[in-house]
């Protein structure tokens, strides 16, 4: 028995940028071991598995090494596949997940994910900025810990200079991943903030495009610049663009997607 697999570049409108995710839409759930093996074989940062339940969908995400509770780019890729290849005509529908119900809406050719926000942060007492010189290559001006650990830098150029030692980075405390962030607090430029996301403990040394990072970034940035709508860019090698709206307990994360590959995967019976 075989199933169709799609590989989609998410949070971009052009191929070979954004973040590639694999998507399989199935009629029933296979064994967890099989899904983990498929994700390992794909060797992408995330593989999403989707099963329709009633009128909505359930989604699960696997990195090459673990199942995760939330993933932005693979959710956007899944919504794109459902709209383009499975006849989903609704402009608003839902994914059920380990992180609760995740509404999806289509607005002006952008797919918006409605994700929970994680606004709780405290100044790090366990990591000293000076430690980051040998781990990332440059000392941040501040370190904040929440769902993700944020290293705040003074300029966009600072983010370009970072060259992480992922083994040492993975030894620093975090609840999920590490974000190197620059906030544009002026009215110049076409982005409000730029960032890089590192997830060595998740099997993702550096992620090309991380939608779920905005669950932390949106409240963190909003608290500093007194805005709730943002244009952001992830400064990975592939690059990714996001349209963000912070709604206190939720974050709308908008982006585009393009299909790279469609194929068949054998499922053992």
Protein backbone atom coordinates (compact mmCIF):
# COMPACT_ATOMS: atom_id res chain seq x y z
CA UNK A 1 0.00 0.00 0.00
CA UNK A 2 1.30 3.48 -0.83
CA UNK A 3 0.41 7.02 0.17
CA UNK A 4 1.18 10.33 -1.49
CA UNK A 5 3.87 12.49 0.08
CA UNK A 6 4.33 16.19 -0.62
CA UNK A 7 7.37 18.33 0.08
CA UNK A 8 6.47 22.00 0.39
CA UNK A 9 8.63 25.08 0.90
CA UNK A 10 6.82 27.09 3.56
CA UNK A 11 6.97 30.79 4.50
CA UNK A 12 8.17 31.72 1.04
CA UNK A 13 6.72 32.39 -2.41
CA UNK A 14 9.68 30.93 -4.30
CA UNK A 15 11.30 27.51 -4.45
CA UNK A 16 14.49 26.69 -2.55
CA UNK A 17 13.85 29.23 0.19
CA UNK A 18 11.70 29.15 3.32
CA UNK A 19 11.56 25.82 5.13
CA UNK A 20 10.83 22.50 3.42
CA UNK A 21 8.35 20.22 5.18
CA UNK A 22 7.02 16.81 4.19
CA UNK A 23 3.26 16.24 4.44
CA UNK A 24 1.31 12.98 4.40
CA UNK A 25 -2.49 13.09 4.52
CA UNK A 26 -3.69 9.66 5.69
CA UNK A 27 -7.03 7.93 6.23
CA UNK A 28 -5.97 6.51 9.61
CA UNK A 29 -3.05 6.72 12.00
CA UNK A 30 -0.10 4.38 11.40
CA UNK A 31 2.19 3.24 14.19
CA UNK A 32 4.28 5.94 15.88
CA UNK A 33 7.45 4.01 15.06
CA UNK A 34 6.62 4.12 11.36
CA UNK A 35 5.98 7.87 11.42
CA UNK A 36 9.26 8.47 13.24
CA UNK A 37 11.11 6.33 10.71
CA UNK A 38 9.54 8.24 7.81
CA UNK A 39 10.62 11.54 9.38
CA UNK A 40 14.13 10.19 9.89
CA UNK A 41 14.28 8.96 6.28
CA UNK A 42 13.01 12.32 4.96
CA UNK A 43 15.70 14.07 7.02
CA UNK A 44 13.81 17.36 6.94
CA UNK A 45 13.34 19.49 10.02
CA UNK A 46 9.68 18.39 10.18
CA UNK A 47 7.36 15.82 8.65
CA UNK A 48 3.63 16.38 9.26
CA UNK A 49 1.02 13.63 9.35
CA UNK A 50 -2.63 14.63 8.93
CA UNK A 51 -5.82 12.57 9.40
CA UNK A 52 -9.31 13.97 8.90
CA UNK A 53 -11.55 13.55 11.96
CA UNK A 54 -15.15 14.57 11.32
CA UNK A 55 -15.08 17.94 9.58
CA UNK A 56 -11.66 18.97 10.90
CA UNK A 57 -8.14 17.50 10.93
CA UNK A 58 -5.67 16.14 13.44
CA UNK A 59 -1.99 16.89 12.89
CA UNK A 60 1.22 15.48 14.35
CA UNK A 61 4.79 16.60 13.69
CA UNK A 62 8.04 14.64 13.78
CA UNK A 63 11.62 15.82 13.46
CA UNK A 64 14.20 13.21 12.37
CA UNK A 65 14.61 12.26 16.02
CA UNK A 66 11.50 13.18 18.09
CA UNK A 67 7.82 14.05 17.95
CA UNK A 68 7.19 17.71 18.84
CA UNK A 69 4.17 19.49 20.30
CA UNK A 70 4.01 22.38 17.84
CA UNK A 71 5.42 23.29 14.44
CA UNK A 72 4.56 26.29 12.31
CA UNK A 73 6.03 25.69 8.87
CA UNK A 74 4.80 22.07 8.61
CA UNK A 75 1.30 23.21 9.65
CA UNK A 76 1.31 25.88 6.97
CA UNK A 77 2.57 23.27 4.46
CA UNK A 78 -0.24 20.91 5.50
CA UNK A 79 -2.89 23.61 5.03
CA UNK A 80 -1.42 24.35 1.60
CA UNK A 81 -1.59 20.65 0.60
CA UNK A 82 -5.19 20.30 1.80
CA UNK A 83 -6.26 23.37 -0.20
CA UNK A 84 -4.34 22.56 -3.37
CA UNK A 85 -4.52 18.76 -3.52
CA UNK A 86 -7.35 17.46 -1.29
CA UNK A 87 -10.26 19.70 -2.25
CA UNK A 88 -10.49 21.72 0.97
CA UNK A 89 -12.60 24.70 -0.09
CA UNK A 90 -13.17 26.39 3.27
CA UNK A 91 -11.36 29.63 4.01
CA UNK A 92 -11.31 28.71 7.72
CA UNK A 93 -10.73 25.24 9.18
CA UNK A 94 -8.96 23.67 12.15
CA UNK A 95 -6.14 21.36 13.07
CA UNK A 96 -6.35 19.49 16.37
CA UNK A 97 -2.97 18.89 17.92
CA UNK A 98 -1.01 18.27 21.11
CA UNK A 99 -0.98 22.05 21.53
CA UNK A 100 -4.76 22.31 21.27
CA UNK A 101 -6.95 23.54 18.42
CA UNK A 102 -5.07 25.46 15.74
CA UNK A 103 -7.39 27.46 13.43
CA UNK A 104 -6.19 28.17 9.90
CA UNK A 105 -7.52 30.97 7.68
CA UNK A 106 -6.82 32.01 4.10
CA UNK A 107 -6.59 35.77 3.53
CA UNK A 108 -5.41 37.47 0.35
CA UNK A 109 -3.43 34.42 -0.81
CA UNK A 110 -1.68 34.09 2.53
CA UNK A 111 -2.21 31.21 4.94
CA UNK A 112 -2.57 32.38 8.54
CA UNK A 113 -1.96 30.02 11.45
CA UNK A 114 -3.67 30.83 14.75
CA UNK A 115 -1.23 29.64 17.42
CA UNK A 116 -1.05 30.05 21.20
CA UNK A 117 1.17 32.80 22.58
CA UNK A 118 3.84 32.20 25.21
CA UNK A 119 4.31 35.61 26.86
CA UNK A 120 6.02 34.44 30.06
CA UNK A 121 9.70 35.47 30.19
CA UNK A 122 12.25 36.17 32.88
CA UNK A 123 15.79 37.51 32.69
CA UNK A 124 18.13 34.56 32.69
CA UNK A 125 19.95 33.89 35.93
CA UNK A 126 21.56 30.64 34.75
CA UNK A 127 23.25 31.90 31.55
CA UNK A 128 25.74 34.77 31.48
CA UNK A 129 26.01 36.81 28.26
CA UNK A 130 29.79 36.36 28.30
CA UNK A 131 29.32 32.58 27.96
CA UNK A 132 27.85 33.11 24.51
CA UNK A 133 31.08 34.49 23.04
CA UNK A 134 32.59 31.01 22.81
CA UNK A 135 29.26 29.32 22.01
CA UNK A 136 27.72 31.63 19.38
CA UNK A 137 30.67 33.85 18.48
CA UNK A 138 29.26 37.08 19.91
CA UNK A 139 27.95 38.15 23.29
CA UNK A 140 24.28 39.24 23.35
CA UNK A 141 23.21 42.29 25.30
CA UNK A 142 20.42 40.40 27.11
CA UNK A 143 19.27 36.81 27.67
CA UNK A 144 15.64 35.94 28.40
CA UNK A 145 14.14 32.56 29.19
CA UNK A 146 10.60 31.40 28.40
CA UNK A 147 9.27 28.68 26.13
CA UNK A 148 12.33 29.47 24.01
CA UNK A 149 15.54 31.10 25.22
CA UNK A 150 16.11 34.47 23.55
CA UNK A 151 19.52 36.04 22.96
CA UNK A 152 18.88 39.73 22.20
CA UNK A 153 21.41 41.49 19.94
CA UNK A 154 21.94 45.13 19.06
CA UNK A 155 21.94 44.93 15.26
CA UNK A 156 20.87 42.85 12.31
CA UNK A 157 24.55 42.46 11.37
CA UNK A 158 25.20 40.77 14.73
CA UNK A 159 22.95 37.89 13.68
CA UNK A 160 25.01 37.36 10.52
CA UNK A 161 28.21 36.91 12.49
CA UNK A 162 26.94 34.08 14.70
CA UNK A 163 28.59 30.69 14.19
CA UNK A 164 27.15 28.33 16.82
CA UNK A 165 28.93 25.49 18.51
CA UNK A 166 25.81 23.32 18.63
CA UNK A 167 27.17 20.84 21.14
CA UNK A 168 27.93 23.58 23.66
CA UNK A 169 24.69 25.38 22.85
CA UNK A 170 22.63 22.26 23.55
CA UNK A 171 24.08 22.16 27.07
CA UNK A 172 22.51 25.54 27.97
CA UNK A 173 19.10 25.42 29.69
CA UNK A 174 16.02 25.92 27.53
CA UNK A 175 12.45 24.67 27.41
CA UNK A 176 12.58 24.20 23.65
CA UNK A 177 15.03 26.08 21.42
CA UNK A 178 17.27 29.14 21.21
CA UNK A 179 16.47 32.34 19.32
CA UNK A 180 18.99 35.02 18.36
CA UNK A 181 16.93 38.20 17.91
CA UNK A 182 17.30 41.76 16.68
CA UNK A 183 14.40 44.22 17.10
CA UNK A 184 14.07 47.19 14.75
CA UNK A 185 12.87 49.94 17.08
CA UNK A 186 12.95 52.62 14.38
CA UNK A 187 10.47 53.46 11.62
CA UNK A 188 13.07 52.64 8.94
CA UNK A 189 13.33 49.40 6.99
CA UNK A 190 10.70 46.87 5.92
CA UNK A 191 10.98 44.45 8.86
CA UNK A 192 10.18 44.87 12.53
CA UNK A 193 12.45 42.09 13.75
CA UNK A 194 14.87 39.51 12.45
CA UNK A 195 15.96 36.27 14.07
CA UNK A 196 17.70 32.91 13.81
CA UNK A 197 16.40 29.75 15.47
CA UNK A 198 18.60 26.95 16.82
CA UNK A 199 17.19 23.63 18.02
CA UNK A 200 20.07 21.17 18.55
CA UNK A 201 18.13 19.35 21.28
CA UNK A 202 15.28 18.82 18.80
CA UNK A 203 17.53 17.38 16.11
CA UNK A 204 17.47 20.73 14.22
CA UNK A 205 20.83 22.56 14.54
CA UNK A 206 19.49 25.64 12.71
CA UNK A 207 15.96 25.82 11.35
CA UNK A 208 15.41 27.62 8.02
CA UNK A 209 11.93 28.94 8.94
CA UNK A 210 10.29 28.59 12.35
CA UNK A 211 6.66 29.69 12.51
CA UNK A 212 6.21 28.52 16.09
CA UNK A 213 9.04 30.82 17.24
CA UNK A 214 6.58 33.71 16.91
CA UNK A 215 4.53 32.31 19.79
CA UNK A 216 7.35 33.70 21.92
CA UNK A 217 8.67 36.43 19.67
CA UNK A 218 5.38 38.26 19.09
CA UNK A 219 4.64 38.95 22.79
CA UNK A 220 8.32 39.61 23.52
CA UNK A 221 8.68 42.16 20.72
CA UNK A 222 5.24 43.71 21.31
CA UNK A 223 6.17 44.41 24.92
CA UNK A 224 9.20 46.39 23.74
CA UNK A 225 7.87 48.37 20.77
CA UNK A 226 4.15 48.77 21.67
CA UNK A 227 2.87 47.32 18.38
CA UNK A 228 0.89 44.21 17.61
CA UNK A 229 1.39 43.78 13.85
CA UNK A 230 4.78 42.88 12.48
CA UNK A 231 6.71 41.91 9.39
CA UNK A 232 9.58 39.63 10.36
CA UNK A 233 12.38 37.78 8.61
CA UNK A 234 14.31 34.69 9.58
CA UNK A 235 17.97 35.14 8.64
CA UNK A 236 18.75 31.55 7.77
CA UNK A 237 20.67 30.60 4.62
CA UNK A 238 17.35 29.95 2.84
CA UNK A 239 15.54 32.94 4.34
CA UNK A 240 11.87 33.19 5.32
CA UNK A 241 9.25 35.94 5.64
CA UNK A 242 6.34 36.21 8.08
CA UNK A 243 3.31 38.43 8.63
CA UNK A 244 2.49 38.50 12.34
CA UNK A 245 -0.43 39.75 14.41
CA UNK A 246 -0.26 39.45 18.19
CA UNK A 247 -3.65 39.00 19.87
CA UNK A 248 -2.61 38.62 23.55
CA UNK A 249 -3.41 34.95 24.05
CA UNK A 250 -2.99 34.01 20.38
CA UNK A 251 -0.59 34.81 17.54
CA UNK A 252 -1.56 34.93 13.85
CA UNK A 253 1.36 33.76 11.71
CA UNK A 254 0.94 34.38 7.99
CA UNK A 255 2.97 33.17 5.04
CA UNK A 256 3.05 31.65 1.58
CA UNK A 257 4.04 28.19 0.37
CA UNK A 258 5.08 26.46 -2.87
CA UNK A 259 5.13 22.79 -3.86
CA UNK A 260 8.56 21.29 -4.51
CA UNK A 261 7.88 17.55 -4.87
CA UNK A 262 5.07 14.98 -4.99
CA UNK A 263 5.78 11.26 -4.64
CA UNK A 264 4.70 7.92 -3.17
CA UNK A 265 5.63 6.29 0.14
CA UNK A 266 5.13 2.58 0.80
CA UNK A 267 3.21 1.83 3.99
CA UNK A 268 3.65 -1.67 5.45
CA UNK A 269 0.40 -3.61 5.82
